[in-house]
């Protein structure tokens, strides 16, 4: 038995209105050289409103760097922030023997604070995408993207201007 057209229309008001997505675009490129230590990206972080909610997060980062270095990604949540799902991580594998434009891609699940290695290969720009859900409480919550070279190399690895994060508040169907 399916829902009747009338029944569906009567329940329409129960659907939550769509929430407006907010975004942050990196306004300047950031460089790491000869360092495997994670540090905060200077632009790609979110400070959430002081209320309990769930957010759909998407990171798109454009990265250049030497084959030998590659790079790695992780997230740090503070305040009342917790992961509500694994991260879906999509990008070039960290394999210096192939060019990123024709190498295998990885599509894997990782915990919020887990480390994901991605490949770089000059002169091409690597694009990675990470998507996941987080929950916040009424406490001040912050989500910070961190990155570093995977192997310390005396050449620049750069997260480029125009990399971005989109955050959209979502609600559970009731």
C-alpha atoms as a PDB file:
ATOM      1  CA  UNK A   1       0.000   0.000   0.000  1.00  0.00           C
ATOM      2  CA  UNK A   2       1.431   3.336  -1.036  1.00  0.00           C
ATOM      3  CA  UNK A   3       0.637   6.783   0.242  1.00  0.00           C
ATOM      4  CA  UNK A   4      -2.360   8.409  -1.305  1.00  0.00           C
ATOM      5  CA  UNK A   5      -1.862  11.708  -3.037  1.00  0.00           C
ATOM      6  CA  UNK A   6      -4.072  13.337  -0.443  1.00  0.00           C
ATOM      7  CA  UNK A   7      -2.108  11.731   2.408  1.00  0.00           C
ATOM      8  CA  UNK A   8       1.165  12.987   0.983  1.00  0.00           C
ATOM      9  CA  UNK A   9      -0.185  16.513   0.606  1.00  0.00           C
ATOM     10  CA  UNK A  10      -1.547  16.467   4.144  1.00  0.00           C
ATOM     11  CA  UNK A  11       1.901  15.498   5.485  1.00  0.00           C
ATOM     12  CA  UNK A  12       3.809  18.044   3.417  1.00  0.00           C
ATOM     13  CA  UNK A  13       3.781  20.596   6.176  1.00  0.00           C
ATOM     14  CA  UNK A  14       5.754  18.152   8.334  1.00  0.00           C
ATOM     15  CA  UNK A  15       8.783  18.414   6.048  1.00  0.00           C
ATOM     16  CA  UNK A  16      11.393  20.840   7.295  1.00  0.00           C
ATOM     17  CA  UNK A  17      12.088  23.836   5.070  1.00  0.00           C
ATOM     18  CA  UNK A  18      15.418  23.708   3.240  1.00  0.00           C
ATOM     19  CA  UNK A  19      18.335  25.366   4.992  1.00  0.00           C
ATOM     20  CA  UNK A  20      20.593  27.810   3.179  1.00  0.00           C
ATOM     21  CA  UNK A  21      24.130  26.530   2.654  1.00  0.00           C
ATOM     22  CA  UNK A  22      27.004  28.734   3.789  1.00  0.00           C
ATOM     23  CA  UNK A  23      30.492  28.648   2.331  1.00  0.00           C
ATOM     24  CA  UNK A  24      34.055  29.766   2.910  1.00  0.00           C
ATOM     25  CA  UNK A  25      36.413  30.302  -0.035  1.00  0.00           C
ATOM     26  CA  UNK A  26      40.153  30.375   0.529  1.00  0.00           C
ATOM     27  CA  UNK A  27      41.260  33.942  -0.209  1.00  0.00           C
ATOM     28  CA  UNK A  28      45.010  33.245  -0.476  1.00  0.00           C
ATOM     29  CA  UNK A  29      47.147  30.215  -1.235  1.00  0.00           C
ATOM     30  CA  UNK A  30      49.034  28.583   1.661  1.00  0.00           C
ATOM     31  CA  UNK A  31      52.420  26.842   1.373  1.00  0.00           C
ATOM     32  CA  UNK A  32      54.164  24.077   3.341  1.00  0.00           C
ATOM     33  CA  UNK A  33      57.778  23.216   2.720  1.00  0.00           C
ATOM     34  CA  UNK A  34      59.729  20.310   4.235  1.00  0.00           C
ATOM     35  CA  UNK A  35      57.134  19.632   6.955  1.00  0.00           C
ATOM     36  CA  UNK A  36      55.014  16.615   7.867  1.00  0.00           C
ATOM     37  CA  UNK A  37      53.499  18.403  10.894  1.00  0.00           C
ATOM     38  CA  UNK A  38      49.796  19.157  10.628  1.00  0.00           C
ATOM     39  CA  UNK A  39      48.789  22.775  11.043  1.00  0.00           C
ATOM     40  CA  UNK A  40      45.545  24.678  10.689  1.00  0.00           C
ATOM     41  CA  UNK A  41      44.586  25.929   7.275  1.00  0.00           C
ATOM     42  CA  UNK A  42      44.400  29.706   7.622  1.00  0.00           C
ATOM     43  CA  UNK A  43      41.019  30.018   5.885  1.00  0.00           C
ATOM     44  CA  UNK A  44      39.259  26.662   5.846  1.00  0.00           C
ATOM     45  CA  UNK A  45      37.483  26.438   9.194  1.00  0.00           C
ATOM     46  CA  UNK A  46      33.950  26.985  10.479  1.00  0.00           C
ATOM     47  CA  UNK A  47      32.724  28.439  13.770  1.00  0.00           C
ATOM     48  CA  UNK A  48      29.152  27.254  14.257  1.00  0.00           C
ATOM     49  CA  UNK A  49      26.266  29.100  15.950  1.00  0.00           C
ATOM     50  CA  UNK A  50      25.703  28.231  19.621  1.00  0.00           C
ATOM     51  CA  UNK A  51      22.894  25.728  19.119  1.00  0.00           C
ATOM     52  CA  UNK A  52      22.401  22.013  18.780  1.00  0.00           C
ATOM     53  CA  UNK A  53      22.209  21.054  15.125  1.00  0.00           C
ATOM     54  CA  UNK A  54      23.554  18.767  12.378  1.00  0.00           C
ATOM     55  CA  UNK A  55      25.541  20.025   9.388  1.00  0.00           C
ATOM     56  CA  UNK A  56      26.447  18.526   6.021  1.00  0.00           C
ATOM     57  CA  UNK A  57      30.076  19.518   5.327  1.00  0.00           C
ATOM     58  CA  UNK A  58      31.884  19.442   1.984  1.00  0.00           C
ATOM     59  CA  UNK A  59      35.525  20.390   1.420  1.00  0.00           C
ATOM     60  CA  UNK A  60      36.978  20.886  -2.051  1.00  0.00           C
ATOM     61  CA  UNK A  61      40.718  21.584  -1.977  1.00  0.00           C
ATOM     62  CA  UNK A  62      42.986  22.338  -4.931  1.00  0.00           C
ATOM     63  CA  UNK A  63      46.605  21.370  -4.219  1.00  0.00           C
ATOM     64  CA  UNK A  64      49.905  21.494  -6.078  1.00  0.00           C
ATOM     65  CA  UNK A  65      53.219  20.015  -5.045  1.00  0.00           C
ATOM     66  CA  UNK A  66      56.044  17.614  -5.863  1.00  0.00           C
ATOM     67  CA  UNK A  67      55.419  13.877  -6.409  1.00  0.00           C
ATOM     68  CA  UNK A  68      57.764  13.010  -3.573  1.00  0.00           C
ATOM     69  CA  UNK A  69      55.849  15.029  -0.968  1.00  0.00           C
ATOM     70  CA  UNK A  70      52.180  14.311  -1.701  1.00  0.00           C
ATOM     71  CA  UNK A  71      50.024  15.632   1.150  1.00  0.00           C
ATOM     72  CA  UNK A  72      47.746  14.498   3.964  1.00  0.00           C
ATOM     73  CA  UNK A  73      44.483  15.765   5.419  1.00  0.00           C
ATOM     74  CA  UNK A  74      42.681  15.635   8.774  1.00  0.00           C
ATOM     75  CA  UNK A  75      40.098  17.601  10.777  1.00  0.00           C
ATOM     76  CA  UNK A  76      39.942  18.878  14.343  1.00  0.00           C
ATOM     77  CA  UNK A  77      36.631  19.541  16.072  1.00  0.00           C
ATOM     78  CA  UNK A  78      36.399  21.525  19.299  1.00  0.00           C
ATOM     79  CA  UNK A  79      33.750  22.723  21.702  1.00  0.00           C
ATOM     80  CA  UNK A  80      30.523  20.772  21.347  1.00  0.00           C
ATOM     81  CA  UNK A  81      31.336  19.312  17.906  1.00  0.00           C
ATOM     82  CA  UNK A  82      31.189  15.574  17.174  1.00  0.00           C
ATOM     83  CA  UNK A  83      31.278  13.530  13.986  1.00  0.00           C
ATOM     84  CA  UNK A  84      27.891  12.153  12.907  1.00  0.00           C
ATOM     85  CA  UNK A  85      29.293  10.120  10.015  1.00  0.00           C
ATOM     86  CA  UNK A  86      32.525   8.952   8.473  1.00  0.00           C
ATOM     87  CA  UNK A  87      34.237  11.282   6.005  1.00  0.00           C
ATOM     88  CA  UNK A  88      33.834  10.265   2.376  1.00  0.00           C
ATOM     89  CA  UNK A  89      37.286  11.075   0.956  1.00  0.00           C
ATOM     90  CA  UNK A  90      37.852  11.223  -2.796  1.00  0.00           C
ATOM     91  CA  UNK A  91      41.137  12.142  -4.462  1.00  0.00           C
ATOM     92  CA  UNK A  92      44.282  10.896  -6.181  1.00  0.00           C
ATOM     93  CA  UNK A  93      46.145   8.127  -4.383  1.00  0.00           C
ATOM     94  CA  UNK A  94      49.479   9.046  -2.827  1.00  0.00           C
ATOM     95  CA  UNK A  95      51.660   7.193  -5.330  1.00  0.00           C
ATOM     96  CA  UNK A  96      54.654   9.083  -6.704  1.00  0.00           C
ATOM     97  CA  UNK A  97      55.200   6.622  -9.554  1.00  0.00           C
ATOM     98  CA  UNK A  98      52.107   7.789 -11.473  1.00  0.00           C
ATOM     99  CA  UNK A  99      50.800  11.114 -12.691  1.00  0.00           C
ATOM    100  CA  UNK A 100      47.612  12.244 -10.958  1.00  0.00           C
ATOM    101  CA  UNK A 101      45.743  12.719 -14.219  1.00  0.00           C
ATOM    102  CA  UNK A 102      45.896   9.016 -15.048  1.00  0.00           C
ATOM    103  CA  UNK A 103      46.395   7.276 -11.690  1.00  0.00           C
ATOM    104  CA  UNK A 104      43.893   5.485  -9.528  1.00  0.00           C
ATOM    105  CA  UNK A 105      41.580   7.511  -7.380  1.00  0.00           C
ATOM    106  CA  UNK A 106      40.730   6.599  -3.838  1.00  0.00           C
ATOM    107  CA  UNK A 107      37.233   6.746  -2.451  1.00  0.00           C
ATOM    108  CA  UNK A 108      37.355   5.773   1.190  1.00  0.00           C
ATOM    109  CA  UNK A 109      35.677   6.297   4.527  1.00  0.00           C
ATOM    110  CA  UNK A 110      37.688   7.777   7.378  1.00  0.00           C
ATOM    111  CA  UNK A 111      36.923   9.052  10.874  1.00  0.00           C
ATOM    112  CA  UNK A 112      36.823  12.826  11.382  1.00  0.00           C
ATOM    113  CA  UNK A 113      40.300  12.924  12.942  1.00  0.00           C
ATOM    114  CA  UNK A 114      41.734  10.156  10.740  1.00  0.00           C
ATOM    115  CA  UNK A 115      44.574  10.896   8.315  1.00  0.00           C
ATOM    116  CA  UNK A 116      44.060  10.564   4.554  1.00  0.00           C
ATOM    117  CA  UNK A 117      47.029  10.674   2.149  1.00  0.00           C
ATOM    118  CA  UNK A 118      46.553  12.213  -1.307  1.00  0.00           C
ATOM    119  CA  UNK A 119      48.795  12.368  -4.361  1.00  0.00           C
ATOM    120  CA  UNK A 120      50.314  15.397  -6.088  1.00  0.00           C
ATOM    121  CA  UNK A 121      52.154  15.568  -9.385  1.00  0.00           C
ATOM    122  CA  UNK A 122      53.429  18.753 -11.018  1.00  0.00           C
ATOM    123  CA  UNK A 123      52.454  20.583 -13.133  1.00  0.00           C
ATOM    124  CA  UNK A 124      48.898  19.349 -12.492  1.00  0.00           C
ATOM    125  CA  UNK A 125      46.520  20.530  -9.772  1.00  0.00           C
ATOM    126  CA  UNK A 126      45.119  17.837  -7.501  1.00  0.00           C
ATOM    127  CA  UNK A 127      41.484  18.208  -6.477  1.00  0.00           C
ATOM    128  CA  UNK A 128      40.236  16.424  -3.367  1.00  0.00           C
ATOM    129  CA  UNK A 129      36.712  16.236  -2.019  1.00  0.00           C
ATOM    130  CA  UNK A 130      35.696  15.272   1.506  1.00  0.00           C
ATOM    131  CA  UNK A 131      32.054  15.083   2.607  1.00  0.00           C
ATOM    132  CA  UNK A 132      30.614  14.223   6.036  1.00  0.00           C
ATOM    133  CA  UNK A 133      28.149  15.145   8.793  1.00  0.00           C
ATOM    134  CA  UNK A 134      28.887  16.802  12.139  1.00  0.00           C
ATOM    135  CA  UNK A 135      26.701  17.573  15.151  1.00  0.00           C
ATOM    136  CA  UNK A 136      26.982  20.612  17.384  1.00  0.00           C
ATOM    137  CA  UNK A 137      25.663  21.337  20.880  1.00  0.00           C
ATOM    138  CA  UNK A 138      24.745  24.640  22.435  1.00  0.00           C
ATOM    139  CA  UNK A 139      28.450  25.155  23.243  1.00  0.00           C
ATOM    140  CA  UNK A 140      30.699  27.117  20.858  1.00  0.00           C
ATOM    141  CA  UNK A 141      31.834  24.615  18.206  1.00  0.00           C
ATOM    142  CA  UNK A 142      34.619  24.898  15.659  1.00  0.00           C
ATOM    143  CA  UNK A 143      35.642  22.630  12.779  1.00  0.00           C
ATOM    144  CA  UNK A 144      39.187  23.131  11.466  1.00  0.00           C
ATOM    145  CA  UNK A 145      40.817  21.526   8.401  1.00  0.00           C
ATOM    146  CA  UNK A 146      44.501  20.653   8.818  1.00  0.00           C
ATOM    147  CA  UNK A 147      47.027  19.464   6.242  1.00  0.00           C
ATOM    148  CA  UNK A 148      50.735  18.777   5.758  1.00  0.00           C
ATOM    149  CA  UNK A 149      53.206  17.180   3.382  1.00  0.00           C
ATOM    150  CA  UNK A 150      53.017  13.404   3.584  1.00  0.00           C
ATOM    151  CA  UNK A 151      56.806  13.136   3.165  1.00  0.00           C
ATOM    152  CA  UNK A 152      59.023  16.071   4.131  1.00  0.00           C
ATOM    153  CA  UNK A 153      60.359  17.502   0.872  1.00  0.00           C
ATOM    154  CA  UNK A 154      62.280  20.734   0.319  1.00  0.00           C
ATOM    155  CA  UNK A 155      59.741  21.891  -2.253  1.00  0.00           C
ATOM    156  CA  UNK A 156      56.464  23.746  -1.858  1.00  0.00           C
ATOM    157  CA  UNK A 157      53.160  21.950  -1.393  1.00  0.00           C
ATOM    158  CA  UNK A 158      50.416  24.539  -1.809  1.00  0.00           C
ATOM    159  CA  UNK A 159      46.691  24.597  -1.063  1.00  0.00           C
ATOM    160  CA  UNK A 160      45.431  27.038  -3.655  1.00  0.00           C
ATOM    161  CA  UNK A 161      43.208  30.069  -3.467  1.00  0.00           C
ATOM    162  CA  UNK A 162      39.578  29.159  -4.343  1.00  0.00           C
ATOM    163  CA  UNK A 163      39.593  25.941  -2.292  1.00  0.00           C
ATOM    164  CA  UNK A 164      36.379  25.957  -0.255  1.00  0.00           C
ATOM    165  CA  UNK A 165      34.099  24.499   2.402  1.00  0.00           C
ATOM    166  CA  UNK A 166      30.311  24.376   2.166  1.00  0.00           C
ATOM    167  CA  UNK A 167      28.261  23.810   5.331  1.00  0.00           C
ATOM    168  CA  UNK A 168      24.526  23.260   5.295  1.00  0.00           C
ATOM    169  CA  UNK A 169      22.381  22.784   8.362  1.00  0.00           C
ATOM    170  CA  UNK A 170      20.190  19.728   7.928  1.00  0.00           C
ATOM    171  CA  UNK A 171      17.357  18.156   9.902  1.00  0.00           C
ATOM    172  CA  UNK A 172      16.319  14.567  10.477  1.00  0.00           C
ATOM    173  CA  UNK A 173      13.075  13.404   8.910  1.00  0.00           C
ATOM    174  CA  UNK A 174      10.545  12.839  11.655  1.00  0.00           C
END
